[in-house]
Amino acid sequence: MTLQLPPAIAAYFSVDRAGDIDAILACFTEDASVLDEGKMHQGHDAVRAWKAKSSAAYNYVSAPFAATSDTDQTIVTSRLTGDFPGSPLDLRYFFTLRAGKIAALEIKP
Protein backbone atom coordinates (compact mmCIF):
# COMPACT_ATOMS: atom_id res chain seq x y z
CA MET A 1 0.00 0.00 0.00
CA THR A 2 1.34 3.41 -0.98
CA LEU A 3 0.73 6.34 1.36
CA GLN A 4 -1.06 9.33 -0.12
CA LEU A 5 0.91 12.27 1.27
CA PRO A 6 0.69 15.96 0.35
CA PRO A 7 3.34 16.74 -2.31
CA ALA A 8 5.68 18.70 -0.01
CA ILE A 9 5.69 15.88 2.57
CA ALA A 10 6.18 13.16 -0.04
CA ALA A 11 9.04 15.20 -1.51
CA TYR A 12 10.61 15.66 1.94
CA PHE A 13 10.83 11.91 2.54
CA SER A 14 11.96 11.24 -1.02
CA VAL A 15 14.80 13.76 -1.06
CA ASP A 16 15.80 12.93 2.52
CA ARG A 17 16.70 9.44 1.27
CA ALA A 18 18.95 11.03 -1.35
CA GLY A 19 20.57 13.36 1.19
CA ASP A 20 20.11 16.44 -1.02
CA ILE A 21 19.93 19.27 1.50
CA ASP A 22 19.05 21.93 -1.11
CA ALA A 23 16.15 19.78 -2.29
CA ILE A 24 15.05 19.27 1.32
CA LEU A 25 15.09 23.03 1.94
CA ALA A 26 12.92 23.54 -1.16
CA CYS A 27 10.16 21.65 0.71
CA PHE A 28 10.12 24.28 3.51
CA THR A 29 8.88 27.86 3.75
CA GLU A 30 11.60 30.50 4.34
CA ASP A 31 10.49 30.93 7.97
CA ALA A 32 9.90 27.24 8.68
CA SER A 33 10.56 25.75 12.08
CA VAL A 34 11.77 22.26 12.97
CA LEU A 35 11.63 20.86 16.49
CA ASP A 36 13.79 17.75 16.77
CA GLU A 37 15.46 16.15 19.81
CA GLY A 38 14.16 19.00 21.96
CA LYS A 39 15.88 21.70 19.87
CA MET A 40 14.12 24.35 17.79
CA HIS A 41 15.53 25.31 14.40
CA GLN A 42 13.88 28.42 12.89
CA GLY A 43 14.35 29.64 9.29
CA HIS A 44 16.15 28.22 6.27
CA ASP A 45 19.68 28.68 7.63
CA ALA A 46 18.85 26.88 10.88
CA VAL A 47 16.93 24.11 9.07
CA ARG A 48 19.91 23.66 6.69
CA ALA A 49 22.32 23.39 9.65
CA TRP A 50 20.03 20.90 11.45
CA LYS A 51 19.71 18.68 8.38
CA ALA A 52 23.41 18.85 7.52
CA LYS A 53 24.35 17.90 11.08
CA SER A 54 21.92 14.98 11.33
CA SER A 55 22.86 13.71 7.86
CA ALA A 56 26.58 13.84 8.69
CA ALA A 57 26.16 12.16 12.07
CA TYR A 58 24.17 9.12 10.95
CA ASN A 59 23.50 6.96 7.94
CA TYR A 60 19.81 6.14 7.95
CA VAL A 61 16.79 5.29 5.85
CA SER A 62 13.37 6.65 6.72
CA ALA A 63 10.40 4.59 5.53
CA PRO A 64 6.98 6.18 6.13
CA PHE A 65 4.30 3.57 6.80
CA ALA A 66 1.29 5.41 8.28
CA ALA A 67 -0.30 8.84 7.98
CA THR A 68 -3.26 10.73 9.39
CA SER A 69 -4.34 14.29 8.86
CA ASP A 70 -6.74 16.86 10.19
CA THR A 71 -7.30 20.47 9.25
CA ASP A 72 -4.02 21.65 10.79
CA GLN A 73 -1.51 18.84 10.59
CA THR A 74 -0.42 15.74 8.78
CA ILE A 75 1.15 13.16 11.09
CA VAL A 76 3.40 10.60 9.43
CA THR A 77 4.87 7.61 11.25
CA SER A 78 8.14 6.42 9.76
CA ARG A 79 10.62 3.70 10.61
CA LEU A 80 14.22 4.91 10.78
CA THR A 81 16.86 2.26 10.30
CA GLY A 82 20.55 3.10 10.44
CA ASP A 83 23.77 3.34 12.39
CA PHE A 84 22.40 5.18 15.40
CA PRO A 85 21.66 3.95 18.93
CA GLY A 86 18.23 2.33 19.17
CA SER A 87 17.90 1.50 15.48
CA PRO A 88 15.37 0.72 14.18
CA LEU A 89 13.12 3.41 15.61
CA ASP A 90 9.60 4.54 14.74
CA LEU A 91 9.21 8.32 14.77
CA ARG A 92 6.18 10.55 14.31
CA TYR A 93 6.53 13.61 12.09
CA PHE A 94 4.00 16.38 12.72
CA PHE A 95 3.85 18.53 9.59
CA THR A 96 2.06 21.87 9.25
CA LEU A 97 1.79 23.12 5.68
CA ARG A 98 1.38 26.63 4.34
CA ALA A 99 1.03 27.49 0.64
CA GLY A 100 2.06 23.96 -0.33
CA LYS A 101 5.30 23.93 1.70
CA ILE A 102 6.28 22.74 5.16
CA ALA A 103 5.91 25.62 7.62
CA ALA A 104 6.52 23.56 10.75
CA LEU A 105 7.83 20.09 11.52
CA GLU A 106 8.02 18.43 14.91
CA ILE A 107 9.66 15.02 15.22
CA LYS A 108 8.78 12.81 18.21
CA PRO A 109 9.51 9.22 19.23
C-alpha atoms as a PDB file:
ATOM      1  CA  MET A   1       0.000   0.000   0.000  1.00  0.00           C
ATOM      2  CA  THR A   2       1.340   3.408  -0.979  1.00  0.00           C
ATOM      3  CA  LEU A   3       0.732   6.341   1.356  1.00  0.00           C
ATOM      4  CA  GLN A   4      -1.059   9.325  -0.118  1.00  0.00           C
ATOM      5  CA  LEU A   5       0.906  12.265   1.266  1.00  0.00           C
ATOM      6  CA  PRO A   6       0.690  15.956   0.349  1.00  0.00           C
ATOM      7  CA  PRO A   7       3.338  16.741  -2.310  1.00  0.00           C
ATOM      8  CA  ALA A   8       5.685  18.697  -0.007  1.00  0.00           C
ATOM      9  CA  ILE A   9       5.692  15.884   2.571  1.00  0.00           C
ATOM     10  CA  ALA A  10       6.179  13.165  -0.036  1.00  0.00           C
ATOM     11  CA  ALA A  11       9.042  15.203  -1.508  1.00  0.00           C
ATOM     12  CA  TYR A  12      10.608  15.665   1.943  1.00  0.00           C
ATOM     13  CA  PHE A  13      10.834  11.911   2.543  1.00  0.00           C
ATOM     14  CA  SER A  14      11.960  11.238  -1.020  1.00  0.00           C
ATOM     15  CA  VAL A  15      14.798  13.758  -1.063  1.00  0.00           C
ATOM     16  CA  ASP A  16      15.801  12.931   2.521  1.00  0.00           C
ATOM     17  CA  ARG A  17      16.701   9.442   1.267  1.00  0.00           C
ATOM     18  CA  ALA A  18      18.948  11.030  -1.353  1.00  0.00           C
ATOM     19  CA  GLY A  19      20.572  13.355   1.186  1.00  0.00           C
ATOM     20  CA  ASP A  20      20.109  16.440  -1.023  1.00  0.00           C
ATOM     21  CA  ILE A  21      19.935  19.275   1.502  1.00  0.00           C
ATOM     22  CA  ASP A  22      19.050  21.934  -1.106  1.00  0.00           C
ATOM     23  CA  ALA A  23      16.147  19.782  -2.293  1.00  0.00           C
ATOM     24  CA  ILE A  24      15.051  19.265   1.315  1.00  0.00           C
ATOM     25  CA  LEU A  25      15.087  23.030   1.940  1.00  0.00           C
ATOM     26  CA  ALA A  26      12.920  23.538  -1.156  1.00  0.00           C
ATOM     27  CA  CYS A  27      10.162  21.649   0.713  1.00  0.00           C
ATOM     28  CA  PHE A  28      10.123  24.284   3.515  1.00  0.00           C
ATOM     29  CA  THR A  29       8.885  27.861   3.751  1.00  0.00           C
ATOM     30  CA  GLU A  30      11.596  30.495   4.338  1.00  0.00           C
ATOM     31  CA  ASP A  31      10.492  30.935   7.971  1.00  0.00           C
ATOM     32  CA  ALA A  32       9.898  27.239   8.678  1.00  0.00           C
ATOM     33  CA  SER A  33      10.557  25.747  12.080  1.00  0.00           C
ATOM     34  CA  VAL A  34      11.767  22.259  12.968  1.00  0.00           C
ATOM     35  CA  LEU A  35      11.627  20.856  16.492  1.00  0.00           C
ATOM     36  CA  ASP A  36      13.792  17.751  16.774  1.00  0.00           C
ATOM     37  CA  GLU A  37      15.463  16.148  19.806  1.00  0.00           C
ATOM     38  CA  GLY A  38      14.161  18.998  21.959  1.00  0.00           C
ATOM     39  CA  LYS A  39      15.879  21.696  19.875  1.00  0.00           C
ATOM     40  CA  MET A  40      14.119  24.354  17.787  1.00  0.00           C
ATOM     41  CA  HIS A  41      15.528  25.314  14.397  1.00  0.00           C
ATOM     42  CA  GLN A  42      13.885  28.416  12.887  1.00  0.00           C
ATOM     43  CA  GLY A  43      14.351  29.637   9.294  1.00  0.00           C
ATOM     44  CA  HIS A  44      16.153  28.225   6.265  1.00  0.00           C
ATOM     45  CA  ASP A  45      19.684  28.678   7.634  1.00  0.00           C
ATOM     46  CA  ALA A  46      18.847  26.880  10.879  1.00  0.00           C
ATOM     47  CA  VAL A  47      16.934  24.115   9.070  1.00  0.00           C
ATOM     48  CA  ARG A  48      19.906  23.659   6.695  1.00  0.00           C
ATOM     49  CA  ALA A  49      22.322  23.395   9.652  1.00  0.00           C
ATOM     50  CA  TRP A  50      20.030  20.895  11.453  1.00  0.00           C
ATOM     51  CA  LYS A  51      19.706  18.684   8.382  1.00  0.00           C
ATOM     52  CA  ALA A  52      23.410  18.853   7.520  1.00  0.00           C
ATOM     53  CA  LYS A  53      24.355  17.899  11.083  1.00  0.00           C
ATOM     54  CA  SER A  54      21.924  14.985  11.332  1.00  0.00           C
ATOM     55  CA  SER A  55      22.856  13.713   7.857  1.00  0.00           C
ATOM     56  CA  ALA A  56      26.577  13.838   8.687  1.00  0.00           C
ATOM     57  CA  ALA A  57      26.159  12.159  12.074  1.00  0.00           C
ATOM     58  CA  TYR A  58      24.170   9.120  10.950  1.00  0.00           C
ATOM     59  CA  ASN A  59      23.496   6.958   7.936  1.00  0.00           C
ATOM     60  CA  TYR A  60      19.807   6.137   7.949  1.00  0.00           C
ATOM     61  CA  VAL A  61      16.794   5.286   5.849  1.00  0.00           C
ATOM     62  CA  SER A  62      13.370   6.650   6.717  1.00  0.00           C
ATOM     63  CA  ALA A  63      10.402   4.586   5.526  1.00  0.00           C
ATOM     64  CA  PRO A  64       6.978   6.179   6.134  1.00  0.00           C
ATOM     65  CA  PHE A  65       4.298   3.570   6.802  1.00  0.00           C
ATOM     66  CA  ALA A  66       1.285   5.413   8.277  1.00  0.00           C
ATOM     67  CA  ALA A  67      -0.301   8.836   7.981  1.00  0.00           C
ATOM     68  CA  THR A  68      -3.263  10.728   9.394  1.00  0.00           C
ATOM     69  CA  SER A  69      -4.339  14.289   8.864  1.00  0.00           C
ATOM     70  CA  ASP A  70      -6.744  16.859  10.188  1.00  0.00           C
ATOM     71  CA  THR A  71      -7.298  20.469   9.251  1.00  0.00           C
ATOM     72  CA  ASP A  72      -4.018  21.655  10.786  1.00  0.00           C
ATOM     73  CA  GLN A  73      -1.507  18.838  10.594  1.00  0.00           C
ATOM     74  CA  THR A  74      -0.419  15.738   8.781  1.00  0.00           C
ATOM     75  CA  ILE A  75       1.147  13.158  11.092  1.00  0.00           C
ATOM     76  CA  VAL A  76       3.405  10.601   9.430  1.00  0.00           C
ATOM     77  CA  THR A  77       4.873   7.613  11.251  1.00  0.00           C
ATOM     78  CA  SER A  78       8.137   6.419   9.757  1.00  0.00           C
ATOM     79  CA  ARG A  79      10.624   3.701  10.611  1.00  0.00           C
ATOM     80  CA  LEU A  80      14.225   4.907  10.784  1.00  0.00           C
ATOM     81  CA  THR A  81      16.863   2.265  10.304  1.00  0.00           C
ATOM     82  CA  GLY A  82      20.549   3.100  10.444  1.00  0.00           C
ATOM     83  CA  ASP A  83      23.769   3.343  12.385  1.00  0.00           C
ATOM     84  CA  PHE A  84      22.399   5.179  15.405  1.00  0.00           C
ATOM     85  CA  PRO A  85      21.662   3.949  18.933  1.00  0.00           C
ATOM     86  CA  GLY A  86      18.228   2.328  19.173  1.00  0.00           C
ATOM     87  CA  SER A  87      17.900   1.496  15.481  1.00  0.00           C
ATOM     88  CA  PRO A  88      15.365   0.723  14.178  1.00  0.00           C
ATOM     89  CA  LEU A  89      13.119   3.406  15.609  1.00  0.00           C
ATOM     90  CA  ASP A  90       9.603   4.543  14.744  1.00  0.00           C
ATOM     91  CA  LEU A  91       9.212   8.324  14.767  1.00  0.00           C
ATOM     92  CA  ARG A  92       6.180  10.547  14.311  1.00  0.00           C
ATOM     93  CA  TYR A  93       6.534  13.608  12.087  1.00  0.00           C
ATOM     94  CA  PHE A  94       4.000  16.379  12.722  1.00  0.00           C
ATOM     95  CA  PHE A  95       3.845  18.527   9.588  1.00  0.00           C
ATOM     96  CA  THR A  96       2.062  21.872   9.252  1.00  0.00           C
ATOM     97  CA  LEU A  97       1.793  23.116   5.684  1.00  0.00           C
ATOM     98  CA  ARG A  98       1.381  26.628   4.343  1.00  0.00           C
ATOM     99  CA  ALA A  99       1.031  27.489   0.640  1.00  0.00           C
ATOM    100  CA  GLY A 100       2.058  23.956  -0.333  1.00  0.00           C
ATOM    101  CA  LYS A 101       5.296  23.935   1.701  1.00  0.00           C
ATOM    102  CA  ILE A 102       6.284  22.742   5.156  1.00  0.00           C
ATOM    103  CA  ALA A 103       5.906  25.619   7.618  1.00  0.00           C
ATOM    104  CA  ALA A 104       6.524  23.559  10.748  1.00  0.00           C
ATOM    105  CA  LEU A 105       7.825  20.091  11.518  1.00  0.00           C
ATOM    106  CA  GLU A 106       8.017  18.431  14.915  1.00  0.00           C
ATOM    107  CA  ILE A 107       9.657  15.022  15.216  1.00  0.00           C
ATOM    108  CA  LYS A 108       8.783  12.807  18.211  1.00  0.00           C
ATOM    109  CA  PRO A 109       9.511   9.218  19.226  1.00  0.00           C
END
